[in-house]
C-alpha atoms as a PDB file:
ATOM      1  CA  MET A   1     120.571  16.408 -48.582  1.00  0.00           C
ATOM      2  CA  ASN A   2     122.380  16.827 -45.274  1.00  0.00           C
ATOM      3  CA  SER A   3     125.689  17.951 -46.767  1.00  0.00           C
ATOM      4  CA  GLY A   4     125.938  20.669 -44.093  1.00  0.00           C
ATOM      5  CA  LEU A   5     126.028  17.988 -41.411  1.00  0.00           C
ATOM      6  CA  ASN A   6     128.793  16.098 -43.202  1.00  0.00           C
ATOM      7  CA  VAL A   7     130.916  19.249 -43.406  1.00  0.00           C
ATOM      8  CA  THR A   8     130.683  19.923 -39.662  1.00  0.00           C
ATOM      9  CA  LYS A   9     131.519  16.281 -38.969  1.00  0.00           C
ATOM     10  CA  ALA A  10     134.561  16.330 -41.253  1.00  0.00           C
ATOM     11  CA  ALA A  11     135.953  19.649 -39.984  1.00  0.00           C
ATOM     12  CA  PRO A  12     137.138  18.366 -36.542  1.00  0.00           C
ATOM     13  CA  ASN A  13     138.787  15.345 -38.187  1.00  0.00           C
ATOM     14  CA  LYS A  14     140.662  17.639 -40.571  1.00  0.00           C
ATOM     15  CA  TRP A  15     141.864  19.794 -37.681  1.00  0.00           C
ATOM     16  CA  ARG A  16     142.939  16.721 -35.746  1.00  0.00           C
ATOM     17  CA  HIS A  17     144.864  15.522 -38.797  1.00  0.00           C
ATOM     18  CA  ILE A  18     146.553  18.918 -39.257  1.00  0.00           C
ATOM     19  CA  LYS A  19     147.420  19.130 -35.555  1.00  0.00           C
ATOM     20  CA  SER A  20     148.964  15.651 -35.562  1.00  0.00           C
ATOM     21  CA  LEU A  21     150.910  16.521 -38.728  1.00  0.00           C
ATOM     22  CA  LEU A  22     152.286  19.689 -37.117  1.00  0.00           C
ATOM     23  CA  LEU A  23     153.184  17.787 -33.951  1.00  0.00           C
ATOM     24  CA  PHE A  24     154.878  15.043 -35.984  1.00  0.00           C
ATOM     25  CA  SER A  25     156.910  17.544 -38.044  1.00  0.00           C
ATOM     26  CA  SER A  26     157.992  19.482 -34.939  1.00  0.00           C
ATOM     27  CA  ILE A  27     159.147  16.260 -33.254  1.00  0.00           C
ATOM     28  CA  LYS A  28     161.070  15.298 -36.407  1.00  0.00           C
ATOM     29  CA  LEU A  29     162.693  18.735 -36.477  1.00  0.00           C
ATOM     30  CA  ARG A  30     163.798  18.418 -32.851  1.00  0.00           C
ATOM     31  CA  ALA A  31     165.188  14.944 -33.494  1.00  0.00           C
ATOM     32  CA  SER A  32     167.209  16.133 -36.500  1.00  0.00           C
ATOM     33  CA  LEU A  33     168.537  19.082 -34.480  1.00  0.00           C
ATOM     34  CA  LYS A  34     169.681  16.697 -31.741  1.00  0.00           C
ATOM     35  CA  GLU A  35     171.443  14.536 -34.343  1.00  0.00           C
ATOM     36  CA  LYS A  36     173.269  17.594 -35.706  1.00  0.00           C
ATOM     37  CA  LYS A  37     174.417  18.522 -32.191  1.00  0.00           C
ATOM     38  CA  LYS A  38     175.732  14.985 -31.622  1.00  0.00           C
ATOM     39  CA  LYS A  39     177.710  15.109 -34.873  1.00  0.00           C
ATOM     40  CA  LYS A  40     179.223  18.460 -33.910  1.00  0.00           C
ATOM     41  CA  GLU A  41     180.307  17.128 -30.502  1.00  0.00           C
ATOM     42  CA  LYS A  42     182.062  14.138 -32.101  1.00  0.00           C
ATOM     43  CA  LYS A  43     184.329  16.384 -34.226  1.00  0.00           C
END
């Protein structure tokens, strides 16, 4: 059984997935903040 090999292979993919998720959420946050600023300027 080479389960140890599978774990090391899966780890980088998990980190890549987490990193992309964090990047995606931060971009969404910035976009929503920009929208809020636009709404405030209109008033």
